[in-house]
Amino acid sequence: GADFFSQLILQEPGRQDVFRVALLMIWANGIFTQLQNQLRLQTKSAQYTLVSVVDTIISLGLTILFIVVLKTGIIGIFWGQLLGLVIGGVVAFYFTREDFGLIFDGAKFKEMLRFSLPLVPSSVGVIVLLYVDRVAINARMTIADVGIFSAGDRIASLVPADRVLIVTNAQLVAEIRRQLPQLPSRALLGEPCRRDTA
């Protein structure tokens, strides 16, 4: 199964390992989101924020470690995000541990299935919408670009767009403006040459 879907989505042979880790990451993201939502329902905003920051910092730090230091390639991005979600999930579970237990009620189970089964198609749609941008980028670019996009998306979720400053070579300013027309002019700084003065 992984061979077929790996070829279909990634369009590169021999990427089953990347596909498997990506699926694990998606699964971990679902559990992490559930735990985060539990914190939100309990109105524990400080713990919710802490869990979000822990996940983002660990995901980003491990992704950089895997890609830059260990040179693992694209799979390092998924491992970094997976481990960040797992560690963030453990922290979230710590804050919500009283809400979970091992109790099985057959009648409640049937009631939950009657309620949730009609929601499965929409849940699949949500998952597709969450990751379709990466598939679209992959169709037009390389698998490495997808990973860079994913890491950038994580950073962008922490920093508001009006607080972003792009420093680039002056020769690239026109092309960046063409590709990012929504970017305010004050957010783009073109240097005549690299002097590390920004």
C-alpha atoms as a PDB file:
ATOM      1  CA  GLY A   1       0.000   0.000   0.000  1.00  0.00           C
ATOM      2  CA  ALA A   2       2.729   2.490   0.917  1.00  0.00           C
ATOM      3  CA  ASP A   3       4.479   1.891  -2.426  1.00  0.00           C
ATOM      4  CA  PHE A   4       1.373   2.774  -4.461  1.00  0.00           C
ATOM      5  CA  PHE A   5       0.400   5.862  -2.447  1.00  0.00           C
ATOM      6  CA  SER A   6       3.994   7.024  -2.204  1.00  0.00           C
ATOM      7  CA  GLN A   7       4.328   6.932  -5.988  1.00  0.00           C
ATOM      8  CA  LEU A   8       0.895   8.561  -6.455  1.00  0.00           C
ATOM      9  CA  ILE A   9       1.405  11.463  -4.040  1.00  0.00           C
ATOM     10  CA  LEU A  10       5.162  12.027  -4.020  1.00  0.00           C
ATOM     11  CA  GLN A  11       5.679  11.050  -7.674  1.00  0.00           C
ATOM     12  CA  GLU A  12       9.101   9.649  -6.856  1.00  0.00           C
ATOM     13  CA  PRO A  13       9.946   5.957  -6.566  1.00  0.00           C
ATOM     14  CA  GLY A  14      11.580   4.683  -3.382  1.00  0.00           C
ATOM     15  CA  ARG A  15       9.995   7.198  -1.002  1.00  0.00           C
ATOM     16  CA  GLN A  16       7.908   4.718   1.029  1.00  0.00           C
ATOM     17  CA  ASP A  17       9.802   5.605   4.209  1.00  0.00           C
ATOM     18  CA  VAL A  18       8.943   9.300   3.755  1.00  0.00           C
ATOM     19  CA  PHE A  19       5.312   8.408   3.104  1.00  0.00           C
ATOM     20  CA  ARG A  20       5.071   6.203   6.214  1.00  0.00           C
ATOM     21  CA  VAL A  21       6.596   8.863   8.486  1.00  0.00           C
ATOM     22  CA  ALA A  22       4.307  11.500   6.939  1.00  0.00           C
ATOM     23  CA  LEU A  23       1.281   9.311   7.723  1.00  0.00           C
ATOM     24  CA  LEU A  24       2.489   8.891  11.305  1.00  0.00           C
ATOM     25  CA  MET A  25       2.881  12.663  11.521  1.00  0.00           C
ATOM     26  CA  ILE A  26      -0.693  13.196  10.278  1.00  0.00           C
ATOM     27  CA  TRP A  27      -1.972  10.681  12.854  1.00  0.00           C
ATOM     28  CA  ALA A  28       0.033  12.363  15.641  1.00  0.00           C
ATOM     29  CA  ASN A  29      -1.301  15.737  14.501  1.00  0.00           C
ATOM     30  CA  GLY A  30      -4.866  14.464  14.965  1.00  0.00           C
ATOM     31  CA  ILE A  31      -4.184  13.301  18.514  1.00  0.00           C
ATOM     32  CA  PHE A  32      -2.251  16.480  19.322  1.00  0.00           C
ATOM     33  CA  THR A  33      -5.112  18.631  18.024  1.00  0.00           C
ATOM     34  CA  GLN A  34      -7.606  16.671  20.136  1.00  0.00           C
ATOM     35  CA  LEU A  35      -5.511  17.231  23.261  1.00  0.00           C
ATOM     36  CA  GLN A  36      -5.113  20.916  22.419  1.00  0.00           C
ATOM     37  CA  ASN A  37      -8.856  21.257  21.917  1.00  0.00           C
ATOM     38  CA  GLN A  38      -9.389  19.685  25.337  1.00  0.00           C
ATOM     39  CA  LEU A  39      -7.267  22.462  26.835  1.00  0.00           C
ATOM     40  CA  ARG A  40      -9.302  25.008  24.888  1.00  0.00           C
ATOM     41  CA  LEU A  41     -12.567  23.529  26.161  1.00  0.00           C
ATOM     42  CA  GLN A  42     -11.277  23.788  29.719  1.00  0.00           C
ATOM     43  CA  THR A  43     -10.298  27.420  29.046  1.00  0.00           C
ATOM     44  CA  LYS A  44      -6.718  26.713  30.059  1.00  0.00           C
ATOM     45  CA  SER A  45      -5.234  29.345  27.770  1.00  0.00           C
ATOM     46  CA  ALA A  46      -1.792  29.427  29.443  1.00  0.00           C
ATOM     47  CA  GLN A  47      -1.375  25.652  29.079  1.00  0.00           C
ATOM     48  CA  TYR A  48      -2.756  25.785  25.530  1.00  0.00           C
ATOM     49  CA  THR A  49      -0.178  28.423  24.605  1.00  0.00           C
ATOM     50  CA  LEU A  50       2.624  26.505  26.314  1.00  0.00           C
ATOM     51  CA  VAL A  51       1.731  23.331  24.427  1.00  0.00           C
ATOM     52  CA  SER A  52       1.631  25.246  21.116  1.00  0.00           C
ATOM     53  CA  VAL A  53       5.022  26.857  21.764  1.00  0.00           C
ATOM     54  CA  VAL A  54       6.591  23.545  22.879  1.00  0.00           C
ATOM     55  CA  ASP A  55       5.324  21.818  19.734  1.00  0.00           C
ATOM     56  CA  THR A  56       6.525  24.603  17.431  1.00  0.00           C
ATOM     57  CA  ILE A  57       9.958  25.043  19.008  1.00  0.00           C
ATOM     58  CA  ILE A  58      10.687  21.318  19.188  1.00  0.00           C
ATOM     59  CA  SER A  59       9.349  20.661  15.676  1.00  0.00           C
ATOM     60  CA  LEU A  60      11.382  23.503  14.235  1.00  0.00           C
ATOM     61  CA  GLY A  61      14.515  22.711  16.251  1.00  0.00           C
ATOM     62  CA  LEU A  62      14.466  19.008  15.384  1.00  0.00           C
ATOM     63  CA  THR A  63      13.688  19.733  11.743  1.00  0.00           C
ATOM     64  CA  ILE A  64      16.733  22.001  11.560  1.00  0.00           C
ATOM     65  CA  LEU A  65      18.818  19.367  13.370  1.00  0.00           C
ATOM     66  CA  PHE A  66      17.725  16.596  11.014  1.00  0.00           C
ATOM     67  CA  ILE A  67      18.061  18.656   7.829  1.00  0.00           C
ATOM     68  CA  VAL A  68      21.073  20.877   8.470  1.00  0.00           C
ATOM     69  CA  VAL A  69      23.197  18.882  10.913  1.00  0.00           C
ATOM     70  CA  LEU A  70      22.304  15.250  10.216  1.00  0.00           C
ATOM     71  CA  LYS A  71      21.506  15.856   6.509  1.00  0.00           C
ATOM     72  CA  THR A  72      18.635  13.347   6.492  1.00  0.00           C
ATOM     73  CA  GLY A  73      16.818  14.960   3.590  1.00  0.00           C
ATOM     74  CA  ILE A  74      13.076  15.381   3.338  1.00  0.00           C
ATOM     75  CA  ILE A  75      12.307  12.638   5.862  1.00  0.00           C
ATOM     76  CA  GLY A  76      13.965  14.794   8.529  1.00  0.00           C
ATOM     77  CA  ILE A  77      11.211  17.375   8.169  1.00  0.00           C
ATOM     78  CA  PHE A  78       8.541  14.796   8.884  1.00  0.00           C
ATOM     79  CA  TRP A  79      10.533  13.277  11.765  1.00  0.00           C
ATOM     80  CA  GLY A  80      11.023  16.745  13.272  1.00  0.00           C
ATOM     81  CA  GLN A  81       7.324  17.541  13.044  1.00  0.00           C
ATOM     82  CA  LEU A  82       6.304  14.079  14.285  1.00  0.00           C
ATOM     83  CA  LEU A  83       8.546  14.289  17.343  1.00  0.00           C
ATOM     84  CA  GLY A  84       7.409  17.850  18.076  1.00  0.00           C
ATOM     85  CA  LEU A  85       3.778  16.694  17.965  1.00  0.00           C
ATOM     86  CA  VAL A  86       4.505  13.713  20.208  1.00  0.00           C
ATOM     87  CA  ILE A  87       6.370  15.786  22.809  1.00  0.00           C
ATOM     88  CA  GLY A  88       3.760  18.566  22.646  1.00  0.00           C
ATOM     89  CA  GLY A  89       1.069  15.895  22.962  1.00  0.00           C
ATOM     90  CA  VAL A  90       2.700  14.462  26.079  1.00  0.00           C
ATOM     91  CA  VAL A  91       2.737  17.941  27.641  1.00  0.00           C
ATOM     92  CA  ALA A  92      -0.916  18.478  26.637  1.00  0.00           C
ATOM     93  CA  PHE A  93      -1.860  15.082  28.053  1.00  0.00           C
ATOM     94  CA  TYR A  94      -0.180  15.987  31.322  1.00  0.00           C
ATOM     95  CA  PHE A  95      -2.449  19.036  31.628  1.00  0.00           C
ATOM     96  CA  THR A  96      -5.592  17.063  30.670  1.00  0.00           C
ATOM     97  CA  ARG A  97      -4.852  13.705  32.310  1.00  0.00           C
ATOM     98  CA  GLU A  98      -7.867  13.859  34.645  1.00  0.00           C
ATOM     99  CA  ASP A  99     -10.209  13.960  31.638  1.00  0.00           C
ATOM    100  CA  PHE A 100      -9.183  10.593  30.218  1.00  0.00           C
ATOM    101  CA  GLY A 101      -9.661   7.070  31.490  1.00  0.00           C
ATOM    102  CA  LEU A 102     -10.149   3.483  30.335  1.00  0.00           C
ATOM    103  CA  ILE A 103     -13.923   3.034  30.544  1.00  0.00           C
ATOM    104  CA  PHE A 104     -15.957   1.280  27.851  1.00  0.00           C
ATOM    105  CA  ASP A 105     -19.713   1.715  27.572  1.00  0.00           C
ATOM    106  CA  GLY A 106     -21.263  -0.209  24.660  1.00  0.00           C
ATOM    107  CA  ALA A 107     -24.388   1.968  24.505  1.00  0.00           C
ATOM    108  CA  LYS A 108     -22.312   5.170  24.434  1.00  0.00           C
ATOM    109  CA  PHE A 109     -20.074   3.616  21.779  1.00  0.00           C
ATOM    110  CA  LYS A 110     -23.070   2.931  19.504  1.00  0.00           C
ATOM    111  CA  GLU A 111     -24.392   6.437  20.127  1.00  0.00           C
ATOM    112  CA  MET A 112     -21.009   7.935  19.257  1.00  0.00           C
ATOM    113  CA  LEU A 113     -20.809   5.879  16.055  1.00  0.00           C
ATOM    114  CA  ARG A 114     -24.306   6.980  14.986  1.00  0.00           C
ATOM    115  CA  PHE A 115     -23.234  10.574  15.511  1.00  0.00           C
ATOM    116  CA  SER A 116     -19.728  10.391  14.066  1.00  0.00           C
ATOM    117  CA  LEU A 117     -20.021   8.103  11.020  1.00  0.00           C
ATOM    118  CA  PRO A 118     -21.777  10.773   8.918  1.00  0.00           C
ATOM    119  CA  LEU A 119     -18.907  13.128   9.815  1.00  0.00           C
ATOM    120  CA  VAL A 120     -16.214  10.859   8.356  1.00  0.00           C
ATOM    121  CA  PRO A 121     -16.462  12.232   4.786  1.00  0.00           C
ATOM    122  CA  SER A 122     -16.147  15.814   6.041  1.00  0.00           C
ATOM    123  CA  SER A 123     -13.204  14.832   8.255  1.00  0.00           C
ATOM    124  CA  VAL A 124     -11.461  13.300   5.264  1.00  0.00           C
ATOM    125  CA  GLY A 125     -12.181  16.532   3.394  1.00  0.00           C
ATOM    126  CA  VAL A 126     -10.602  18.587   6.174  1.00  0.00           C
ATOM    127  CA  ILE A 127      -7.457  16.416   6.107  1.00  0.00           C
ATOM    128  CA  VAL A 128      -7.269  16.764   2.325  1.00  0.00           C
ATOM    129  CA  LEU A 129      -7.637  20.556   2.586  1.00  0.00           C
ATOM    130  CA  LEU A 130      -4.932  20.707   5.262  1.00  0.00           C
ATOM    131  CA  TYR A 131      -2.390  18.980   3.014  1.00  0.00           C
ATOM    132  CA  VAL A 132      -3.514  19.756  -0.546  1.00  0.00           C
ATOM    133  CA  ASP A 133      -1.245  22.808  -0.684  1.00  0.00           C
ATOM    134  CA  ARG A 134       1.784  20.594  -0.109  1.00  0.00           C
ATOM    135  CA  VAL A 135       0.634  18.195  -2.843  1.00  0.00           C
ATOM    136  CA  ALA A 136       0.102  21.141  -5.216  1.00  0.00           C
ATOM    137  CA  ILE A 137       3.558  22.493  -4.441  1.00  0.00           C
ATOM    138  CA  ASN A 138       5.004  19.034  -4.987  1.00  0.00           C
ATOM    139  CA  ALA A 139       3.325  18.829  -8.390  1.00  0.00           C
ATOM    140  CA  ARG A 140       5.037  22.064  -9.444  1.00  0.00           C
ATOM    141  CA  MET A 141       8.274  21.842  -7.458  1.00  0.00           C
ATOM    142  CA  THR A 142      10.487  19.270  -5.773  1.00  0.00           C
ATOM    143  CA  ILE A 143       9.805  17.255  -2.631  1.00  0.00           C
ATOM    144  CA  ALA A 144      12.401  19.395  -0.817  1.00  0.00           C
ATOM    145  CA  ASP A 145      10.306  22.510  -1.610  1.00  0.00           C
ATOM    146  CA  VAL A 146       7.337  20.847   0.100  1.00  0.00           C
ATOM    147  CA  GLY A 147       9.423  20.395   3.229  1.00  0.00           C
ATOM    148  CA  ILE A 148      10.614  23.988   3.152  1.00  0.00           C
ATOM    149  CA  PHE A 149       7.005  25.125   2.735  1.00  0.00           C
ATOM    150  CA  SER A 150       5.940  23.015   5.736  1.00  0.00           C
ATOM    151  CA  ALA A 151       8.678  24.475   7.941  1.00  0.00           C
ATOM    152  CA  GLY A 152       7.830  28.005   6.759  1.00  0.00           C
ATOM    153  CA  ASP A 153       4.158  27.397   7.451  1.00  0.00           C
ATOM    154  CA  ARG A 154       5.007  26.418  11.049  1.00  0.00           C
ATOM    155  CA  ILE A 155       7.044  29.592  11.545  1.00  0.00           C
ATOM    156  CA  ALA A 156       4.332  31.739   9.940  1.00  0.00           C
ATOM    157  CA  SER A 157       1.790  30.462  12.448  1.00  0.00           C
ATOM    158  CA  LEU A 158       3.844  32.044  15.250  1.00  0.00           C
ATOM    159  CA  VAL A 159       4.650  35.408  13.656  1.00  0.00           C
ATOM    160  CA  PRO A 160       1.945  37.769  12.328  1.00  0.00           C
ATOM    161  CA  ALA A 161       2.438  38.718   8.674  1.00  0.00           C
ATOM    162  CA  ASP A 162       2.722  42.426   9.515  1.00  0.00           C
ATOM    163  CA  ARG A 163       5.792  41.621  11.643  1.00  0.00           C
ATOM    164  CA  VAL A 164       7.723  39.873   8.843  1.00  0.00           C
ATOM    165  CA  LEU A 165      10.646  41.576   7.107  1.00  0.00           C
ATOM    166  CA  ILE A 166      12.213  40.046   4.021  1.00  0.00           C
ATOM    167  CA  VAL A 167      15.819  41.071   3.417  1.00  0.00           C
ATOM    168  CA  THR A 168      17.115  40.220  -0.040  1.00  0.00           C
ATOM    169  CA  ASN A 169      19.361  41.380  -2.823  1.00  0.00           C
ATOM    170  CA  ALA A 170      18.059  44.552  -4.513  1.00  0.00           C
ATOM    171  CA  GLN A 171      17.989  42.707  -7.850  1.00  0.00           C
ATOM    172  CA  LEU A 172      15.352  40.301  -6.496  1.00  0.00           C
ATOM    173  CA  VAL A 173      12.937  42.906  -5.110  1.00  0.00           C
ATOM    174  CA  ALA A 174      10.836  43.228  -8.284  1.00  0.00           C
ATOM    175  CA  GLU A 175      10.443  39.442  -8.613  1.00  0.00           C
ATOM    176  CA  ILE A 176       9.474  39.079  -4.951  1.00  0.00           C
ATOM    177  CA  ARG A 177       6.893  41.862  -5.308  1.00  0.00           C
ATOM    178  CA  ARG A 178       5.504  40.072  -8.377  1.00  0.00           C
ATOM    179  CA  GLN A 179       5.223  36.770  -6.481  1.00  0.00           C
ATOM    180  CA  LEU A 180       3.971  38.327  -3.222  1.00  0.00           C
ATOM    181  CA  PRO A 181       1.714  41.240  -4.216  1.00  0.00           C
ATOM    182  CA  GLN A 182      -0.002  41.177  -0.802  1.00  0.00           C
ATOM    183  CA  LEU A 183       3.315  41.907   0.939  1.00  0.00           C
ATOM    184  CA  PRO A 184       3.427  45.509   2.234  1.00  0.00           C
ATOM    185  CA  SER A 185       6.232  47.555   0.666  1.00  0.00           C
ATOM    186  CA  ARG A 186       7.717  48.304   4.104  1.00  0.00           C
ATOM    187  CA  ALA A 187       8.164  44.537   4.670  1.00  0.00           C
ATOM    188  CA  LEU A 188      10.689  44.149   1.836  1.00  0.00           C
ATOM    189  CA  LEU A 189      14.224  45.456   2.141  1.00  0.00           C
ATOM    190  CA  GLY A 190      16.563  45.258  -0.862  1.00  0.00           C
ATOM    191  CA  GLU A 191      20.275  45.522  -0.129  1.00  0.00           C
ATOM    192  CA  PRO A 192      22.693  46.501  -2.935  1.00  0.00           C
ATOM    193  CA  CYS A 193      24.979  43.696  -1.774  1.00  0.00           C
ATOM    194  CA  ARG A 194      25.197  41.387   1.203  1.00  0.00           C
ATOM    195  CA  ARG A 195      26.780  43.172   4.139  1.00  0.00           C
ATOM    196  CA  ASP A 196      24.933  41.511   7.054  1.00  0.00           C
ATOM    197  CA  THR A 197      23.707  44.915   8.209  1.00  0.00           C
ATOM    198  CA  ALA A 198      19.949  44.245   8.300  1.00  0.00           C
END
